[in-house]
Amino acid sequence: MSRYVSETKAARSISAWIITDKRGEYVAKVQAHFSDGGRVLVNVFSRGAEFRHASASGYGYDKLTHALAGLKIDGHSIADHCGDVPEDEKKRARLLAAYNRDPNARTREQWSKAAERIGARWANWGDGRWMDLYFTPGLDRLQAFGYHVYSAI
């Protein structure tokens, strides 16, 4: 028998996160249940928004991020790995086009900060340059915008 709740089978199947803004004010609560059958159910409770839920199942990938993909938290869409964020696609395309025109116009650090401002990150370094620009997936996207994500369970 376990001495800690966190070591029980039930605790290992539940996760929760509290999200606060830059001022430390509550923005949202995210809950996830990881079933024995491989399905992930997520619930998102955001301030000023209706309850949202989604799920993902299957094998061999980040089901939590996939389940969160497309849901909005404080007006920001959550992206999947290599996924789209329709409301920010023009910003991503502009930044990628600027980089492709002249990758030496800024330092790598400056390009990374520019990507972070739109909730994205560069990927696939080759031939002395970045090849792709993807939106930051999952709850990490909110952190790119300055939100704090606290694991509660």
N, C-alpha and C. Protein backbone atom coordinates (compact mmCIF):
# COMPACT_ATOMS: atom_id res chain seq x y z
N MET A 1 0.85 -1.18 0.00
CA MET A 1 0.00 0.00 0.00
C MET A 1 0.90 1.24 0.00
N SER A 2 0.49 2.22 -0.77
CA SER A 2 1.25 3.45 -0.92
C SER A 2 1.02 4.40 0.24
N ARG A 3 2.04 5.16 0.57
CA ARG A 3 1.90 6.19 1.61
C ARG A 3 1.46 7.52 0.99
N TYR A 4 1.66 7.67 -0.30
CA TYR A 4 1.38 8.94 -0.96
C TYR A 4 0.29 8.78 -2.01
N VAL A 5 -0.63 9.70 -2.03
CA VAL A 5 -1.69 9.69 -3.03
C VAL A 5 -1.09 9.71 -4.43
N SER A 6 -0.02 10.49 -4.61
CA SER A 6 0.61 10.63 -5.93
C SER A 6 1.16 9.32 -6.47
N GLU A 7 1.32 8.32 -5.62
CA GLU A 7 1.83 7.02 -6.05
C GLU A 7 0.73 6.02 -6.39
N THR A 8 -0.52 6.42 -6.24
CA THR A 8 -1.63 5.50 -6.53
C THR A 8 -1.94 5.48 -8.02
N LYS A 9 -2.57 4.42 -8.44
CA LYS A 9 -2.97 4.29 -9.85
C LYS A 9 -3.91 5.43 -10.25
N ALA A 10 -4.83 5.77 -9.37
CA ALA A 10 -5.79 6.85 -9.67
C ALA A 10 -5.06 8.17 -9.89
N ALA A 11 -4.10 8.48 -9.04
CA ALA A 11 -3.37 9.75 -9.17
C ALA A 11 -2.55 9.80 -10.45
N ARG A 12 -2.01 8.66 -10.86
CA ARG A 12 -1.22 8.64 -12.09
C ARG A 12 -2.08 8.84 -13.33
N SER A 13 -3.38 8.71 -13.21
CA SER A 13 -4.26 8.85 -14.38
C SER A 13 -4.89 10.24 -14.48
N ILE A 14 -4.62 11.11 -13.53
CA ILE A 14 -5.20 12.46 -13.51
C ILE A 14 -4.08 13.51 -13.47
N SER A 15 -4.24 14.57 -14.25
CA SER A 15 -3.33 15.71 -14.18
C SER A 15 -4.17 16.97 -14.22
N ALA A 16 -3.65 18.04 -13.65
CA ALA A 16 -4.34 19.33 -13.69
C ALA A 16 -3.30 20.45 -13.70
N TRP A 17 -3.64 21.53 -14.37
CA TRP A 17 -2.77 22.69 -14.45
C TRP A 17 -3.60 23.94 -14.18
N ILE A 18 -2.99 24.88 -13.50
CA ILE A 18 -3.58 26.20 -13.29
C ILE A 18 -2.77 27.18 -14.13
N ILE A 19 -3.45 28.03 -14.86
CA ILE A 19 -2.79 29.00 -15.72
C ILE A 19 -3.10 30.39 -15.21
N THR A 20 -2.05 31.18 -15.03
CA THR A 20 -2.20 32.57 -14.60
C THR A 20 -1.56 33.48 -15.64
N ASP A 21 -2.00 34.73 -15.66
CA ASP A 21 -1.40 35.70 -16.58
C ASP A 21 -0.13 36.28 -15.96
N LYS A 22 0.44 37.27 -16.63
CA LYS A 22 1.69 37.87 -16.17
C LYS A 22 1.57 38.51 -14.79
N ARG A 23 0.36 38.94 -14.44
CA ARG A 23 0.13 39.56 -13.13
C ARG A 23 -0.16 38.54 -12.04
N GLY A 24 -0.24 37.28 -12.43
CA GLY A 24 -0.52 36.22 -11.47
C GLY A 24 -2.00 35.98 -11.26
N GLU A 25 -2.84 36.57 -12.10
CA GLU A 25 -4.28 36.39 -11.97
C GLU A 25 -4.73 35.12 -12.70
N TYR A 26 -5.69 34.43 -12.10
CA TYR A 26 -6.23 33.20 -12.66
C TYR A 26 -6.76 33.42 -14.08
N VAL A 27 -6.39 32.51 -14.97
CA VAL A 27 -6.87 32.54 -16.35
C VAL A 27 -7.69 31.29 -16.66
N ALA A 28 -7.15 30.12 -16.27
CA ALA A 28 -7.83 28.88 -16.62
C ALA A 28 -7.34 27.72 -15.76
N LYS A 29 -8.16 26.67 -15.78
CA LYS A 29 -7.78 25.39 -15.18
C LYS A 29 -7.94 24.35 -16.28
N VAL A 30 -6.94 23.49 -16.41
CA VAL A 30 -6.98 22.41 -17.39
C VAL A 30 -6.88 21.10 -16.61
N GLN A 31 -7.80 20.19 -16.90
CA GLN A 31 -7.78 18.87 -16.27
C GLN A 31 -7.65 17.82 -17.36
N ALA A 32 -6.93 16.75 -17.05
CA ALA A 32 -6.78 15.66 -18.02
C ALA A 32 -6.92 14.33 -17.31
N HIS A 33 -7.61 13.40 -17.97
CA HIS A 33 -7.70 12.03 -17.48
C HIS A 33 -7.09 11.12 -18.54
N PHE A 34 -6.12 10.34 -18.13
CA PHE A 34 -5.44 9.39 -19.00
C PHE A 34 -6.00 8.00 -18.68
N SER A 35 -6.86 7.48 -19.55
CA SER A 35 -7.51 6.20 -19.26
C SER A 35 -6.57 5.03 -19.53
N ASP A 36 -6.92 3.89 -18.94
CA ASP A 36 -6.13 2.68 -19.17
C ASP A 36 -6.15 2.26 -20.64
N GLY A 37 -7.19 2.65 -21.35
CA GLY A 37 -7.32 2.28 -22.76
C GLY A 37 -6.56 3.18 -23.71
N GLY A 38 -5.83 4.17 -23.20
CA GLY A 38 -5.03 5.03 -24.06
C GLY A 38 -5.71 6.30 -24.51
N ARG A 39 -6.88 6.57 -23.99
CA ARG A 39 -7.61 7.79 -24.35
C ARG A 39 -7.30 8.89 -23.34
N VAL A 40 -7.20 10.11 -23.82
CA VAL A 40 -7.01 11.27 -22.95
C VAL A 40 -8.23 12.18 -23.12
N LEU A 41 -8.85 12.51 -22.01
CA LEU A 41 -9.97 13.45 -21.98
C LEU A 41 -9.47 14.73 -21.31
N VAL A 42 -9.67 15.88 -21.95
CA VAL A 42 -9.27 17.14 -21.33
C VAL A 42 -10.49 18.03 -21.13
N ASN A 43 -10.47 18.77 -20.03
CA ASN A 43 -11.48 19.78 -19.72
C ASN A 43 -10.74 21.10 -19.53
N VAL A 44 -11.27 22.15 -20.12
CA VAL A 44 -10.67 23.48 -19.97
C VAL A 44 -11.75 24.41 -19.41
N PHE A 45 -11.44 25.01 -18.28
CA PHE A 45 -12.32 25.97 -17.62
C PHE A 45 -11.59 27.32 -17.66
N SER A 46 -12.00 28.22 -18.56
CA SER A 46 -11.33 29.51 -18.72
C SER A 46 -12.22 30.62 -18.19
N ARG A 47 -11.58 31.65 -17.64
CA ARG A 47 -12.36 32.81 -17.18
C ARG A 47 -13.05 33.44 -18.38
N GLY A 48 -14.29 33.77 -18.18
CA GLY A 48 -15.06 34.45 -19.23
C GLY A 48 -15.39 33.61 -20.44
N ALA A 49 -15.22 32.30 -20.36
CA ALA A 49 -15.51 31.45 -21.51
C ALA A 49 -16.26 30.21 -21.03
N GLU A 50 -16.96 29.58 -21.97
CA GLU A 50 -17.68 28.36 -21.64
C GLU A 50 -16.71 27.21 -21.44
N PHE A 51 -17.13 26.23 -20.66
CA PHE A 51 -16.38 24.99 -20.46
C PHE A 51 -16.13 24.34 -21.82
N ARG A 52 -14.92 23.86 -22.03
CA ARG A 52 -14.57 23.15 -23.27
C ARG A 52 -14.00 21.79 -22.91
N HIS A 53 -14.22 20.83 -23.79
CA HIS A 53 -13.64 19.51 -23.58
C HIS A 53 -13.27 18.90 -24.93
N ALA A 54 -12.32 18.00 -24.90
CA ALA A 54 -11.90 17.29 -26.10
C ALA A 54 -11.19 16.02 -25.66
N SER A 55 -10.94 15.13 -26.61
CA SER A 55 -10.23 13.90 -26.28
C SER A 55 -9.37 13.47 -27.46
N ALA A 56 -8.46 12.58 -27.17
CA ALA A 56 -7.61 11.99 -28.20
C ALA A 56 -7.30 10.57 -27.77
N SER A 57 -7.14 9.71 -28.75
CA SER A 57 -6.77 8.32 -28.44
C SER A 57 -5.82 7.84 -29.52
N GLY A 58 -5.36 6.65 -29.38
CA GLY A 58 -4.42 6.10 -30.34
C GLY A 58 -3.15 5.68 -29.64
N TYR A 59 -2.12 5.49 -30.40
CA TYR A 59 -0.88 4.96 -29.85
C TYR A 59 0.31 5.75 -30.34
N GLY A 60 1.24 5.99 -29.45
CA GLY A 60 2.56 6.46 -29.83
C GLY A 60 2.72 7.94 -30.13
N TYR A 61 1.93 8.81 -29.56
CA TYR A 61 2.12 10.24 -29.77
C TYR A 61 1.63 11.01 -28.56
N ASP A 62 1.79 12.29 -28.58
CA ASP A 62 1.43 13.16 -27.46
C ASP A 62 -0.08 13.43 -27.49
N LYS A 63 -0.83 12.54 -26.86
CA LYS A 63 -2.29 12.65 -26.89
C LYS A 63 -2.80 13.88 -26.15
N LEU A 64 -2.11 14.29 -25.09
CA LEU A 64 -2.55 15.48 -24.35
C LEU A 64 -2.53 16.70 -25.26
N THR A 65 -1.43 16.93 -25.94
CA THR A 65 -1.32 18.08 -26.84
C THR A 65 -2.33 17.97 -27.97
N HIS A 66 -2.51 16.77 -28.51
CA HIS A 66 -3.47 16.58 -29.59
C HIS A 66 -4.90 16.89 -29.11
N ALA A 67 -5.23 16.48 -27.89
CA ALA A 67 -6.57 16.75 -27.36
C ALA A 67 -6.77 18.25 -27.14
N LEU A 68 -5.73 18.96 -26.70
CA LEU A 68 -5.83 20.40 -26.45
C LEU A 68 -5.86 21.22 -27.75
N ALA A 69 -5.33 20.66 -28.83
CA ALA A 69 -5.20 21.40 -30.08
C ALA A 69 -6.54 21.96 -30.55
N GLY A 70 -6.52 23.24 -30.85
CA GLY A 70 -7.72 23.92 -31.34
C GLY A 70 -8.56 24.56 -30.26
N LEU A 71 -8.37 24.14 -29.01
CA LEU A 71 -9.08 24.79 -27.90
C LEU A 71 -8.44 26.14 -27.62
N LYS A 72 -9.23 27.08 -27.12
CA LYS A 72 -8.71 28.41 -26.82
C LYS A 72 -8.65 28.62 -25.31
N ILE A 73 -7.56 29.24 -24.89
CA ILE A 73 -7.40 29.64 -23.50
C ILE A 73 -7.01 31.11 -23.52
N ASP A 74 -7.86 31.93 -22.92
CA ASP A 74 -7.66 33.38 -22.87
C ASP A 74 -7.44 33.98 -24.26
N GLY A 75 -8.16 33.44 -25.23
CA GLY A 75 -8.10 33.96 -26.59
C GLY A 75 -7.00 33.39 -27.46
N HIS A 76 -6.17 32.51 -26.91
CA HIS A 76 -5.06 31.92 -27.67
C HIS A 76 -5.40 30.47 -28.01
N SER A 77 -5.34 30.14 -29.31
CA SER A 77 -5.55 28.75 -29.72
C SER A 77 -4.33 27.92 -29.35
N ILE A 78 -4.60 26.72 -28.89
CA ILE A 78 -3.54 25.78 -28.56
C ILE A 78 -3.22 25.00 -29.83
N ALA A 79 -1.93 24.88 -30.13
CA ALA A 79 -1.49 24.19 -31.34
C ALA A 79 -1.08 22.77 -31.03
N ASP A 80 -1.22 21.91 -32.01
CA ASP A 80 -0.67 20.56 -31.94
C ASP A 80 0.77 20.64 -32.44
N HIS A 81 1.49 19.55 -32.36
CA HIS A 81 2.85 19.52 -32.92
C HIS A 81 2.74 19.76 -34.42
N CYS A 82 3.44 20.74 -34.92
CA CYS A 82 3.42 21.12 -36.34
C CYS A 82 2.01 21.54 -36.78
N GLY A 83 1.18 21.94 -35.81
CA GLY A 83 -0.21 22.26 -36.11
C GLY A 83 -0.44 23.71 -36.48
N ASP A 84 -1.64 23.99 -36.91
CA ASP A 84 -2.03 25.33 -37.35
C ASP A 84 -2.67 26.11 -36.21
N VAL A 85 -2.54 27.42 -36.31
CA VAL A 85 -3.27 28.37 -35.47
C VAL A 85 -3.79 29.41 -36.47
N PRO A 86 -5.00 29.18 -36.99
CA PRO A 86 -5.48 30.02 -38.10
C PRO A 86 -5.40 31.52 -37.85
N GLU A 87 -5.72 31.97 -36.62
CA GLU A 87 -5.71 33.42 -36.38
C GLU A 87 -4.31 34.02 -36.38
N ASP A 88 -3.27 33.20 -36.27
CA ASP A 88 -1.89 33.71 -36.26
C ASP A 88 -1.08 33.27 -37.47
N GLU A 89 -1.71 32.63 -38.42
CA GLU A 89 -0.99 32.11 -39.58
C GLU A 89 -0.33 33.23 -40.40
N LYS A 90 -0.99 34.37 -40.54
CA LYS A 90 -0.39 35.47 -41.32
C LYS A 90 0.89 35.97 -40.66
N LYS A 91 0.90 36.03 -39.33
CA LYS A 91 2.10 36.46 -38.61
C LYS A 91 3.23 35.47 -38.83
N ARG A 92 2.90 34.19 -38.77
CA ARG A 92 3.91 33.15 -38.99
C ARG A 92 4.47 33.23 -40.40
N ALA A 93 3.58 33.38 -41.37
CA ALA A 93 4.01 33.44 -42.77
C ALA A 93 4.88 34.67 -43.03
N ARG A 94 4.53 35.82 -42.42
CA ARG A 94 5.36 37.03 -42.59
C ARG A 94 6.75 36.85 -42.00
N LEU A 95 6.81 36.27 -40.81
CA LEU A 95 8.11 36.08 -40.16
C LEU A 95 8.97 35.09 -40.96
N LEU A 96 8.37 34.00 -41.42
CA LEU A 96 9.10 33.02 -42.21
C LEU A 96 9.59 33.63 -43.53
N ALA A 97 8.75 34.44 -44.16
CA ALA A 97 9.15 35.10 -45.42
C ALA A 97 10.31 36.07 -45.18
N ALA A 98 10.24 36.83 -44.09
CA ALA A 98 11.33 37.77 -43.76
C ALA A 98 12.63 37.00 -43.52
N TYR A 99 12.54 35.90 -42.83
CA TYR A 99 13.73 35.09 -42.56
C TYR A 99 14.29 34.52 -43.87
N ASN A 100 13.42 34.02 -44.72
CA ASN A 100 13.87 33.44 -45.99
C ASN A 100 14.51 34.48 -46.91
N ARG A 101 14.03 35.74 -46.83
CA ARG A 101 14.64 36.81 -47.64
C ARG A 101 16.06 37.10 -47.20
N ASP A 102 16.29 37.15 -45.87
CA ASP A 102 17.62 37.48 -45.36
C ASP A 102 17.81 36.93 -43.95
N PRO A 103 18.24 35.67 -43.85
CA PRO A 103 18.41 35.08 -42.52
C PRO A 103 19.49 35.77 -41.68
N ASN A 104 20.36 36.51 -42.33
CA ASN A 104 21.43 37.20 -41.60
C ASN A 104 21.04 38.60 -41.15
N ALA A 105 19.80 39.01 -41.37
CA ALA A 105 19.34 40.35 -40.97
C ALA A 105 19.28 40.47 -39.45
N ARG A 106 19.15 39.36 -38.76
CA ARG A 106 19.11 39.32 -37.29
C ARG A 106 19.96 38.16 -36.81
N THR A 107 20.31 38.20 -35.53
CA THR A 107 21.03 37.07 -34.95
C THR A 107 20.05 35.93 -34.73
N ARG A 108 20.58 34.73 -34.47
CA ARG A 108 19.70 33.59 -34.18
C ARG A 108 18.84 33.88 -32.96
N GLU A 109 19.43 34.53 -31.97
CA GLU A 109 18.66 34.87 -30.76
C GLU A 109 17.53 35.85 -31.08
N GLN A 110 17.79 36.83 -31.93
CA GLN A 110 16.75 37.79 -32.31
C GLN A 110 15.63 37.11 -33.09
N TRP A 111 16.00 36.20 -34.00
CA TRP A 111 14.97 35.47 -34.75
C TRP A 111 14.14 34.62 -33.79
N SER A 112 14.80 33.99 -32.81
CA SER A 112 14.07 33.15 -31.85
C SER A 112 13.10 33.98 -31.02
N LYS A 113 13.52 35.17 -30.60
CA LYS A 113 12.63 36.04 -29.83
C LYS A 113 11.44 36.50 -30.68
N ALA A 114 11.69 36.78 -31.95
CA ALA A 114 10.59 37.19 -32.84
C ALA A 114 9.58 36.05 -32.98
N ALA A 115 10.07 34.82 -33.08
CA ALA A 115 9.17 33.66 -33.17
C ALA A 115 8.39 33.49 -31.88
N GLU A 116 9.07 33.66 -30.76
CA GLU A 116 8.42 33.49 -29.46
C GLU A 116 7.28 34.50 -29.26
N ARG A 117 7.46 35.71 -29.79
CA ARG A 117 6.40 36.73 -29.65
C ARG A 117 5.09 36.32 -30.31
N ILE A 118 5.16 35.45 -31.32
CA ILE A 118 3.92 34.99 -31.97
C ILE A 118 3.57 33.56 -31.53
N GLY A 119 4.26 33.06 -30.50
CA GLY A 119 3.97 31.72 -29.99
C GLY A 119 4.45 30.63 -30.91
N ALA A 120 5.62 30.85 -31.52
CA ALA A 120 6.17 29.87 -32.46
C ALA A 120 7.63 29.61 -32.13
N ARG A 121 8.20 28.63 -32.82
CA ARG A 121 9.62 28.35 -32.66
C ARG A 121 10.17 27.77 -33.97
N TRP A 122 11.45 28.05 -34.16
CA TRP A 122 12.15 27.58 -35.35
C TRP A 122 12.50 26.11 -35.19
N ALA A 123 12.59 25.40 -36.32
CA ALA A 123 12.91 23.97 -36.27
C ALA A 123 13.73 23.58 -37.49
N ASN A 124 14.35 22.44 -37.37
CA ASN A 124 15.07 21.81 -38.48
C ASN A 124 16.22 22.67 -39.01
N TRP A 125 17.27 22.78 -38.20
CA TRP A 125 18.47 23.52 -38.58
C TRP A 125 19.26 22.68 -39.58
N GLY A 126 19.60 23.28 -40.70
CA GLY A 126 20.41 22.58 -41.71
C GLY A 126 20.99 23.57 -42.69
N ASP A 127 22.17 23.29 -43.19
CA ASP A 127 22.85 24.18 -44.13
C ASP A 127 23.00 25.59 -43.57
N GLY A 128 23.23 25.68 -42.25
CA GLY A 128 23.47 26.98 -41.63
C GLY A 128 22.25 27.87 -41.48
N ARG A 129 21.05 27.26 -41.52
CA ARG A 129 19.83 28.07 -41.39
C ARG A 129 18.67 27.21 -40.90
N TRP A 130 17.62 27.89 -40.40
CA TRP A 130 16.39 27.22 -40.00
C TRP A 130 15.60 26.88 -41.25
N MET A 131 14.96 25.75 -41.26
CA MET A 131 14.15 25.33 -42.41
C MET A 131 12.65 25.57 -42.20
N ASP A 132 12.21 25.54 -40.93
CA ASP A 132 10.78 25.60 -40.66
C ASP A 132 10.47 26.46 -39.44
N LEU A 133 9.25 26.96 -39.39
CA LEU A 133 8.75 27.74 -38.26
C LEU A 133 7.40 27.16 -37.88
N TYR A 134 7.33 26.59 -36.67
CA TYR A 134 6.10 25.96 -36.20
C TYR A 134 5.56 26.68 -34.97
N PHE A 135 4.25 26.62 -34.80
CA PHE A 135 3.66 27.15 -33.57
C PHE A 135 4.06 26.25 -32.41
N THR A 136 4.34 26.86 -31.28
CA THR A 136 4.71 26.11 -30.09
C THR A 136 3.50 25.27 -29.66
N PRO A 137 3.68 23.96 -29.44
CA PRO A 137 2.54 23.10 -29.14
C PRO A 137 2.12 23.12 -27.67
N GLY A 138 0.88 22.73 -27.45
CA GLY A 138 0.36 22.52 -26.10
C GLY A 138 0.38 23.75 -25.22
N LEU A 139 0.44 23.50 -23.93
CA LEU A 139 0.42 24.59 -22.96
C LEU A 139 1.70 25.43 -23.01
N ASP A 140 2.76 24.90 -23.64
CA ASP A 140 3.99 25.68 -23.82
C ASP A 140 3.73 26.94 -24.65
N ARG A 141 2.73 26.89 -25.51
CA ARG A 141 2.38 28.07 -26.32
C ARG A 141 1.98 29.24 -25.41
N LEU A 142 1.23 28.95 -24.36
CA LEU A 142 0.83 30.01 -23.43
C LEU A 142 2.05 30.58 -22.70
N GLN A 143 2.99 29.71 -22.33
CA GLN A 143 4.19 30.17 -21.67
C GLN A 143 5.00 31.10 -22.57
N ALA A 144 4.98 30.85 -23.87
CA ALA A 144 5.67 31.73 -24.81
C ALA A 144 5.10 33.14 -24.78
N PHE A 145 3.83 33.26 -24.42
CA PHE A 145 3.18 34.57 -24.34
C PHE A 145 3.28 35.19 -22.94
N GLY A 146 3.99 34.53 -22.04
CA GLY A 146 4.19 35.08 -20.71
C GLY A 146 3.24 34.58 -19.64
N TYR A 147 2.39 33.62 -19.98
CA TYR A 147 1.52 33.02 -18.99
C TYR A 147 2.34 32.07 -18.12
N HIS A 148 1.85 31.80 -16.93
CA HIS A 148 2.48 30.83 -16.04
C HIS A 148 1.59 29.60 -16.01
N VAL A 149 2.17 28.43 -16.17
CA VAL A 149 1.44 27.17 -16.16
C VAL A 149 1.97 26.35 -14.99
N TYR A 150 1.11 26.12 -14.01
CA TYR A 150 1.48 25.40 -12.79
C TYR A 150 0.83 24.04 -12.80
N SER A 151 1.61 23.03 -12.60
CA SER A 151 1.08 21.68 -12.46
C SER A 151 0.49 21.54 -11.07
N ALA A 152 -0.80 21.27 -11.00
CA ALA A 152 -1.47 21.18 -9.71
C ALA A 152 -1.56 19.74 -9.21
N ILE A 153 -1.61 18.82 -10.12
CA ILE A 153 -1.64 17.39 -9.76
C ILE A 153 -0.69 16.67 -10.70
